[in-house]
Amino acid sequence: MRVCVVLHTDLYEPWPVVRAKREVDVLRRLGRDVVVVSWIKDESTPWPIHEVRDGVRIRRVKFAPPKGGIARAMGYRRISKMFAREIAATKPNAILCHDLEMLWAAVMAGRSLRVPILYHSHEDWPAMVSERSPMEARVFARLERKLVRFVDHIYTVGEELAAKYRGWGRPVTVQYGSKSITEMPRLMDQEKSEIRRDFGFANGDVLVGIAGSLGRDEALPAILEAIAGLPERVKLFVVGGLPGKVEAAKRVVTEGDIAGRVAFTGPLPTPMYLRHAAVLDLGLALFEPTSANQLYVVPLKLFDYMGLGIPVVVSDFPSMRQIVDDCGIGTTADPRSAESIAAAIRSLVEDSAKRRAMSVAALRCFETTYSWERQEEVLLRSHPVFRPA
């Protein structure tokens, strides 16, 4: 069986698309022939048009999207037809499309070939698009409702989004792209102390951390204000992050009065990122509600914290709140309010016994439910494309 994976970005560059890469790995282990068709919107990228990497055939279509809402709307059907031809040319037995932007092309190709179409909805795309154009969001919402009628199975990242698709009569699997148990380091106390000392932290400090990409919606100003109002022994450790995001965050810190209480690792390879995150006493996943999309997605850093046994403070959004409450691994805060964030952090900083209990609960919930080992089991039960022959 040949499966064509359709992406609106590259699978590998400049960093892997985690959920898609894990699905590709599963398909390869099942003996499927996998080919990836990617829309590369920056025509200047040096990546080859055709490549075979890790046994996967890659077809990169470099095409800059039209600028402006009207031009995008006028050209979207033409672009989708172009990608439908590219997908069909791979002669797949099944199509796995990631995100709504490419679904029209996948549906056109799938219907012409009469093959199953699987749709991985990473987020609420119309809600996300609404940040730049409410009209475009309405168009995408109508288009998605129309297109999913031809989709055999939908994968999404939370029960709220899953409920929408089930309401439209489609079979849905909730599936997260978390890391595996085997990826999670288990550091001895001496190793933790050495990492803390390298970044100027004492063993008596309580390390509150932000791990991961430092996305644009990260509630950094409110977090910094919250830290400033907490006892001196509460420090902030920013682990990982893209270079530009880290430098911008450092500028925000230096403008305040807590520079001596904040440290940054800068970008790190995944194993080193996890080792440094493992020294945290408390992990933050606090994002500003820039759109309804933020309310229903779960950031991968939450699962990283869980796999490392770190209690959390997260935005009081439905999907994250449900996981945190069900597992008993932390508390929620209003990401727009430094007072709310400070109160949530203080409630855990002042109760070390509660933090220890939450650490145990985080590990248990990760290992039994949210680790990739468990999520892969969910995937293998979901559809014949992912079932062993």
Protein backbone atom coordinates (compact mmCIF):
# COMPACT_ATOMS: atom_id res chain seq x y z
CA MET A 1 0.00 0.00 0.00
CA ARG A 2 1.23 3.47 -0.88
CA VAL A 3 0.18 6.40 1.33
CA CYS A 4 0.58 10.00 0.20
CA VAL A 5 1.04 12.41 3.11
CA VAL A 6 0.03 15.96 2.21
CA LEU A 7 1.50 18.93 4.10
CA HIS A 8 1.35 22.71 3.81
CA THR A 9 4.96 22.85 5.02
CA ASP A 10 8.06 20.68 4.85
CA LEU A 11 8.19 17.41 6.78
CA TYR A 12 11.81 17.86 7.86
CA GLU A 13 12.94 21.47 7.39
CA PRO A 14 13.69 23.70 9.22
CA TRP A 15 12.51 21.27 11.92
CA PRO A 16 10.36 18.13 11.73
CA VAL A 17 6.57 18.32 11.82
CA VAL A 18 6.23 16.10 14.88
CA ARG A 19 2.77 14.60 14.39
CA ALA A 20 3.27 13.94 10.67
CA LYS A 21 6.74 12.50 11.23
CA ARG A 22 5.46 10.05 13.85
CA GLU A 23 2.68 8.91 11.52
CA VAL A 24 5.16 8.45 8.68
CA ASP A 25 7.36 6.35 10.98
CA VAL A 26 4.40 4.15 11.94
CA LEU A 27 3.40 3.69 8.30
CA ARG A 28 6.97 2.74 7.37
CA ARG A 29 7.13 0.14 10.15
CA LEU A 30 3.88 -1.31 8.85
CA GLY A 31 5.52 -1.78 5.46
CA ARG A 32 3.67 1.04 3.70
CA ASP A 33 5.32 2.91 0.86
CA VAL A 34 5.18 6.57 1.93
CA VAL A 35 5.47 9.61 -0.31
CA VAL A 36 5.12 13.19 0.95
CA VAL A 37 3.82 16.13 -1.08
CA SER A 38 4.66 19.46 0.57
CA TRP A 39 3.73 23.02 -0.27
CA ILE A 40 6.87 25.12 0.20
CA LYS A 41 5.73 28.73 0.19
CA ASP A 42 9.21 30.25 0.20
CA GLU A 43 10.57 29.65 -3.31
CA SER A 44 14.11 30.59 -2.23
CA THR A 45 14.56 27.62 0.10
CA PRO A 46 17.57 25.47 -0.84
CA TRP A 47 15.81 22.16 -0.24
CA PRO A 48 15.63 19.89 -3.31
CA ILE A 49 12.40 19.44 -5.24
CA HIS A 50 12.79 15.66 -5.06
CA GLU A 51 14.46 13.82 -2.22
CA VAL A 52 14.45 10.42 -0.56
CA ARG A 53 15.07 10.68 3.18
CA ASP A 54 14.72 7.86 5.71
CA GLY A 55 13.14 5.77 2.96
CA VAL A 56 10.44 8.39 2.33
CA ARG A 57 10.03 10.02 -1.08
CA ILE A 58 9.61 13.77 -0.81
CA ARG A 59 8.05 16.02 -3.46
CA ARG A 60 8.37 19.70 -2.66
CA VAL A 61 6.24 22.09 -4.66
CA LYS A 62 7.72 25.57 -4.32
CA PHE A 63 5.01 28.10 -4.95
CA ALA A 64 4.58 31.49 -3.31
CA PRO A 65 0.91 32.09 -2.39
CA PRO A 66 -0.73 35.22 -3.75
CA LYS A 67 -0.55 38.26 -1.47
CA GLY A 68 -3.72 39.82 -0.16
CA GLY A 69 -7.02 38.25 0.82
CA ILE A 70 -8.80 38.71 -2.52
CA ALA A 71 -5.84 37.35 -4.51
CA ARG A 72 -5.61 34.33 -2.19
CA ALA A 73 -9.32 33.66 -2.52
CA MET A 74 -9.23 33.96 -6.32
CA GLY A 75 -6.20 31.68 -6.60
CA TYR A 76 -7.05 29.04 -4.01
CA ARG A 77 -9.08 26.81 -6.31
CA ARG A 78 -6.37 26.93 -8.99
CA ILE A 79 -3.67 26.14 -6.42
CA SER A 80 -5.72 23.28 -5.01
CA LYS A 81 -6.16 21.79 -8.47
CA MET A 82 -2.41 22.03 -9.02
CA PHE A 83 -1.72 20.14 -5.79
CA ALA A 84 -4.44 17.61 -6.57
CA ARG A 85 -2.54 16.71 -9.72
CA GLU A 86 0.71 16.39 -7.74
CA ILE A 87 -0.98 14.12 -5.21
CA ALA A 88 -2.66 11.99 -7.85
CA ALA A 89 0.66 11.62 -9.71
CA THR A 90 2.06 9.66 -6.75
CA LYS A 91 -0.62 6.99 -7.40
CA PRO A 92 -1.52 6.48 -3.74
CA ASN A 93 -3.83 3.86 -2.26
CA ALA A 94 -4.69 6.31 0.52
CA ILE A 95 -4.18 10.02 1.23
CA LEU A 96 -3.33 11.46 4.66
CA CYS A 97 -3.84 15.23 4.63
CA HIS A 98 -2.59 17.47 7.42
CA ASP A 99 -4.54 20.68 8.00
CA LEU A 100 -7.42 22.33 6.21
CA GLU A 101 -5.29 24.43 3.86
CA MET A 102 -4.51 21.31 1.79
CA LEU A 103 -7.76 19.42 2.25
CA TRP A 104 -9.45 20.64 -0.93
CA ALA A 105 -6.52 19.35 -3.00
CA ALA A 106 -6.52 16.04 -1.10
CA VAL A 107 -10.27 15.58 -1.59
CA MET A 108 -10.08 16.32 -5.33
CA ALA A 109 -7.25 13.80 -5.73
CA GLY A 110 -8.88 11.20 -3.50
CA ARG A 111 -12.21 11.37 -5.28
CA SER A 112 -10.58 11.11 -8.69
CA LEU A 113 -8.62 8.02 -7.59
CA ARG A 114 -11.40 6.61 -5.39
CA VAL A 115 -9.06 6.07 -2.46
CA PRO A 116 -9.58 6.73 1.28
CA ILE A 117 -8.90 10.25 2.53
CA LEU A 118 -7.73 10.74 6.11
CA TYR A 119 -7.71 14.26 7.54
CA HIS A 120 -5.47 15.34 10.43
CA SER A 121 -6.85 18.57 11.89
CA HIS A 122 -4.03 19.90 14.07
CA GLU A 123 -6.07 22.90 15.15
CA ASP A 124 -9.23 24.87 14.50
CA TRP A 125 -8.04 26.35 11.21
CA PRO A 126 -10.97 28.76 10.63
CA ALA A 127 -10.52 30.17 14.15
CA MET A 128 -6.79 30.58 13.55
CA VAL A 129 -7.34 32.32 10.20
CA SER A 130 -9.85 34.67 11.85
CA GLU A 131 -6.90 36.53 13.41
CA ARG A 132 -6.03 37.96 9.99
CA SER A 133 -9.41 37.91 8.23
CA PRO A 134 -12.89 37.15 9.67
CA MET A 135 -14.22 36.78 6.12
CA GLU A 136 -11.54 34.26 5.18
CA ALA A 137 -12.34 32.37 8.38
CA ARG A 138 -16.00 32.11 7.41
CA VAL A 139 -15.06 30.84 3.94
CA PHE A 140 -12.75 28.19 5.40
CA ALA A 141 -15.40 27.13 7.92
CA ARG A 142 -17.94 26.54 5.12
CA LEU A 143 -15.33 24.82 2.98
CA GLU A 144 -14.30 22.45 5.77
CA ARG A 145 -17.93 21.50 6.44
CA LYS A 146 -18.35 20.70 2.75
CA LEU A 147 -15.07 18.80 2.32
CA VAL A 148 -15.24 16.53 5.36
CA ARG A 149 -18.22 14.76 3.80
CA PHE A 150 -15.67 13.01 1.57
CA VAL A 151 -13.23 12.22 4.38
CA ASP A 152 -13.08 8.65 5.71
CA HIS A 153 -11.54 9.45 9.09
CA ILE A 154 -10.51 12.56 11.05
CA TYR A 155 -7.72 12.91 13.60
CA THR A 156 -7.69 15.86 15.95
CA VAL A 157 -6.08 17.05 19.17
CA GLY A 158 -8.84 17.48 21.72
CA GLU A 159 -12.36 16.49 22.62
CA GLU A 160 -13.81 19.92 21.81
CA LEU A 161 -12.71 19.76 18.18
CA ALA A 162 -13.60 16.07 17.99
CA ALA A 163 -17.16 16.92 19.08
CA LYS A 164 -17.52 19.29 16.13
CA TYR A 165 -16.59 16.62 13.62
CA ARG A 166 -18.69 13.95 15.30
CA GLY A 167 -21.60 16.37 15.10
CA TRP A 168 -21.03 16.38 11.34
CA GLY A 169 -21.30 12.59 11.31
CA ARG A 170 -17.64 11.78 10.76
CA PRO A 171 -15.55 9.13 12.60
CA VAL A 172 -12.93 10.86 14.74
CA THR A 173 -9.85 9.80 16.70
CA VAL A 174 -8.32 12.12 19.30
CA GLN A 175 -4.58 11.69 19.00
CA TYR A 176 -1.64 13.67 20.37
CA GLY A 177 1.91 13.89 19.02
CA SER A 178 3.65 13.58 22.38
CA LYS A 179 7.13 12.16 22.90
CA SER A 180 7.82 8.58 23.97
CA ILE A 181 8.60 7.30 27.44
CA THR A 182 12.03 6.20 26.24
CA GLU A 183 12.91 9.78 25.19
CA MET A 184 12.38 11.15 28.69
CA PRO A 185 15.62 11.47 30.72
CA ARG A 186 15.73 10.53 34.39
CA LEU A 187 18.35 12.76 36.01
CA MET A 188 20.06 12.13 39.33
CA ASP A 189 20.02 14.96 41.88
CA GLN A 190 23.69 15.68 41.24
CA GLU A 191 23.07 16.11 37.50
CA LYS A 192 20.21 18.50 38.20
CA SER A 193 22.36 20.51 40.58
CA GLU A 194 25.11 20.84 37.99
CA ILE A 195 22.72 22.15 35.32
CA ARG A 196 21.14 24.59 37.78
CA ARG A 197 24.58 25.84 38.87
CA ASP A 198 25.67 26.32 35.25
CA PHE A 199 22.87 28.85 34.81
CA GLY A 200 23.36 30.62 38.14
CA PHE A 201 20.63 28.90 40.15
CA ALA A 202 21.06 27.62 43.70
CA ASN A 203 19.65 24.36 44.97
CA GLY A 204 17.27 26.27 47.21
CA ASP A 205 15.73 28.18 44.31
CA VAL A 206 12.34 27.18 42.96
CA LEU A 207 12.68 27.00 39.18
CA VAL A 208 9.61 27.98 37.22
CA GLY A 209 10.15 27.23 33.55
CA ILE A 210 8.97 27.90 30.04
CA ALA A 211 10.00 25.03 27.79
CA GLY A 212 9.74 24.80 24.02
CA SER A 213 9.38 27.18 21.15
CA LEU A 214 8.46 30.49 22.86
CA GLY A 215 5.58 31.03 20.45
CA ARG A 216 4.17 34.42 19.63
CA ASP A 217 1.17 33.83 21.90
CA GLU A 218 3.27 32.96 24.95
CA ALA A 219 2.12 35.19 27.81
CA LEU A 220 5.68 36.34 28.57
CA PRO A 221 5.00 39.90 29.79
CA ALA A 222 2.40 38.69 32.31
CA ILE A 223 4.69 35.82 33.37
CA LEU A 224 7.60 38.21 34.00
CA GLU A 225 5.38 40.55 35.98
CA ALA A 226 4.15 37.60 38.03
CA ILE A 227 7.70 36.40 38.76
CA ALA A 228 8.71 39.91 39.87
CA GLY A 229 6.00 39.84 42.54
CA LEU A 230 7.02 36.46 43.96
CA PRO A 231 9.74 35.73 46.55
CA GLU A 232 13.36 36.10 45.41
CA ARG A 233 13.95 32.35 45.50
CA VAL A 234 11.43 31.88 42.66
CA LYS A 235 13.40 32.06 39.40
CA LEU A 236 12.45 31.69 35.73
CA PHE A 237 14.31 29.26 33.45
CA VAL A 238 13.53 29.49 29.72
CA VAL A 239 14.55 26.19 28.10
CA GLY A 240 14.89 26.02 24.31
CA GLY A 241 13.22 28.41 21.89
CA LEU A 242 14.05 29.63 18.41
CA PRO A 243 16.94 32.14 18.24
CA GLY A 244 14.83 35.14 17.24
CA LYS A 245 12.23 34.42 19.91
CA VAL A 246 14.89 33.99 22.59
CA GLU A 247 16.60 37.27 21.71
CA ALA A 248 13.28 39.12 21.76
CA ALA A 249 12.48 37.60 25.16
CA LYS A 250 15.88 38.61 26.52
CA ARG A 251 15.21 42.21 25.49
CA VAL A 252 11.92 42.16 27.39
CA VAL A 253 13.70 40.80 30.47
CA THR A 254 16.47 43.40 30.41
CA GLU A 255 13.88 46.17 30.26
CA GLY A 256 12.46 44.95 33.57
CA ASP A 257 14.03 44.62 36.99
CA ILE A 258 14.34 40.83 37.29
CA ALA A 259 17.16 40.09 34.85
CA GLY A 260 19.13 38.43 37.65
CA ARG A 261 16.27 35.98 38.23
CA VAL A 262 15.87 34.78 34.62
CA ALA A 263 18.14 32.52 32.54
CA PHE A 264 17.90 31.25 28.97
CA THR A 265 19.45 28.14 27.45
CA GLY A 266 18.86 29.24 23.87
CA PRO A 267 18.11 26.64 21.15
CA LEU A 268 18.99 23.06 22.12
CA PRO A 269 18.82 19.67 20.39
CA THR A 270 15.85 17.68 21.68
CA PRO A 271 17.79 15.39 24.07
CA MET A 272 19.56 18.38 25.66
CA TYR A 273 16.34 20.37 25.76
CA LEU A 274 14.68 17.57 27.74
CA ARG A 275 17.65 17.23 30.13
CA HIS A 276 17.55 20.93 30.93
CA ALA A 277 13.76 20.99 31.26
CA ALA A 278 14.03 18.10 33.72
CA VAL A 279 15.51 20.43 36.38
CA LEU A 280 12.32 22.52 36.58
CA ASP A 281 10.17 22.51 39.69
CA LEU A 282 7.17 23.92 37.85
CA GLY A 283 6.35 24.19 34.14
CA LEU A 284 4.32 26.94 32.48
CA ALA A 285 2.09 26.55 29.43
CA LEU A 286 0.50 29.99 29.39
CA PHE A 287 -0.76 31.44 26.12
CA GLU A 288 -2.79 34.53 25.38
CA PRO A 289 -6.23 33.79 23.84
CA THR A 290 -5.53 35.46 20.51
CA SER A 291 -8.24 33.36 18.84
CA ALA A 292 -10.70 30.60 19.65
CA ASN A 293 -8.12 28.19 18.24
CA GLN A 294 -5.96 28.66 21.34
CA LEU A 295 -8.80 27.40 23.54
CA TYR A 296 -8.93 23.95 21.97
CA VAL A 297 -5.36 22.92 21.20
CA VAL A 298 -2.86 21.34 23.55
CA PRO A 299 0.80 22.42 23.26
CA LEU A 300 3.37 19.65 23.10
CA LYS A 301 5.26 21.24 25.99
CA LEU A 302 2.47 20.13 28.33
CA PHE A 303 3.25 16.51 27.52
CA ASP A 304 6.98 17.20 27.87
CA TYR A 305 6.36 18.46 31.40
CA MET A 306 4.25 15.41 32.17
CA GLY A 307 6.86 12.99 30.86
CA LEU A 308 9.48 14.66 33.04
CA GLY A 309 7.27 14.58 36.12
CA ILE A 310 6.89 18.36 36.38
CA PRO A 311 3.73 19.97 37.87
CA VAL A 312 2.23 22.68 35.66
CA VAL A 313 0.41 25.98 35.53
CA VAL A 314 -1.55 26.29 32.27
CA SER A 315 -3.95 28.71 30.65
CA ASP A 316 -7.50 28.21 31.82
CA PHE A 317 -8.55 26.88 28.41
CA PRO A 318 -10.90 23.86 28.01
CA SER A 319 -8.54 21.28 26.48
CA MET A 320 -5.59 21.92 28.78
CA ARG A 321 -7.81 22.31 31.84
CA GLN A 322 -9.39 18.91 31.21
CA ILE A 323 -6.04 17.13 31.02
CA VAL A 324 -4.63 18.93 34.07
CA ASP A 325 -7.75 18.28 36.15
CA ASP A 326 -8.20 14.67 35.05
CA CYS A 327 -4.56 13.83 35.81
CA GLY A 328 -4.25 16.03 38.90
CA ILE A 329 -0.96 17.55 37.77
CA GLY A 330 -1.28 21.28 38.37
CA THR A 331 -3.52 24.29 38.23
CA THR A 332 -4.83 26.90 35.80
CA ALA A 333 -4.48 30.68 35.54
CA ASP A 334 -5.76 33.56 33.46
CA PRO A 335 -2.83 34.17 31.04
CA ARG A 336 -3.77 37.85 30.74
CA SER A 337 -3.45 38.47 34.47
CA ALA A 338 -0.09 38.62 36.25
CA GLU A 339 -1.98 38.43 39.54
CA SER A 340 -3.71 35.21 38.52
CA ILE A 341 -0.43 33.68 37.31
CA ALA A 342 1.39 34.70 40.49
CA ALA A 343 -1.36 33.23 42.67
CA ALA A 344 -1.27 29.93 40.77
CA ILE A 345 2.52 29.69 41.00
CA ARG A 346 2.50 30.68 44.68
CA SER A 347 -0.06 27.99 45.50
CA LEU A 348 2.38 25.32 44.32
CA VAL A 349 5.63 26.95 45.37
CA GLU A 350 4.43 27.07 48.97
CA ASP A 351 3.28 23.44 49.05
CA SER A 352 6.18 21.12 48.24
CA ALA A 353 4.16 18.05 49.25
CA LYS A 354 1.51 18.92 46.68
CA ARG A 355 4.20 19.38 44.02
CA ARG A 356 5.67 15.97 44.80
CA ALA A 357 2.25 14.32 44.53
CA MET A 358 1.60 16.09 41.25
CA SER A 359 4.99 14.98 39.93
CA VAL A 360 4.08 11.35 40.58
CA ALA A 361 0.66 11.87 38.99
CA ALA A 362 2.19 13.52 35.91
CA LEU A 363 4.50 10.59 35.27
CA ARG A 364 1.72 8.07 35.80
CA CYS A 365 -0.71 9.86 33.49
CA PHE A 366 1.94 10.28 30.81
CA GLU A 367 2.95 6.63 30.89
CA THR A 368 -0.60 5.26 30.94
CA THR A 369 -2.34 7.69 28.56
CA TYR A 370 -0.39 10.43 26.80
CA SER A 371 3.03 9.04 25.92
CA TRP A 372 3.67 8.25 22.27
CA GLU A 373 3.62 4.53 23.11
CA ARG A 374 -0.04 4.89 24.15
CA GLN A 375 -0.89 7.34 21.36
CA GLU A 376 0.55 4.95 18.78
CA GLU A 377 -1.78 2.25 20.10
CA VAL A 378 -4.67 4.66 19.53
CA LEU A 379 -3.46 5.31 15.99
CA LEU A 380 -3.13 1.61 15.16
CA ARG A 381 -6.75 1.02 16.19
CA SER A 382 -8.12 3.96 14.22
CA HIS A 383 -8.29 2.98 10.52
CA PRO A 384 -7.18 0.11 8.24
CA VAL A 385 -4.43 2.32 6.77
CA PHE A 386 -2.71 2.15 10.17
CA ARG A 387 -3.54 -1.47 11.03
CA PRO A 388 -0.99 -4.23 10.63
CA ALA A 389 -1.67 -6.48 7.63
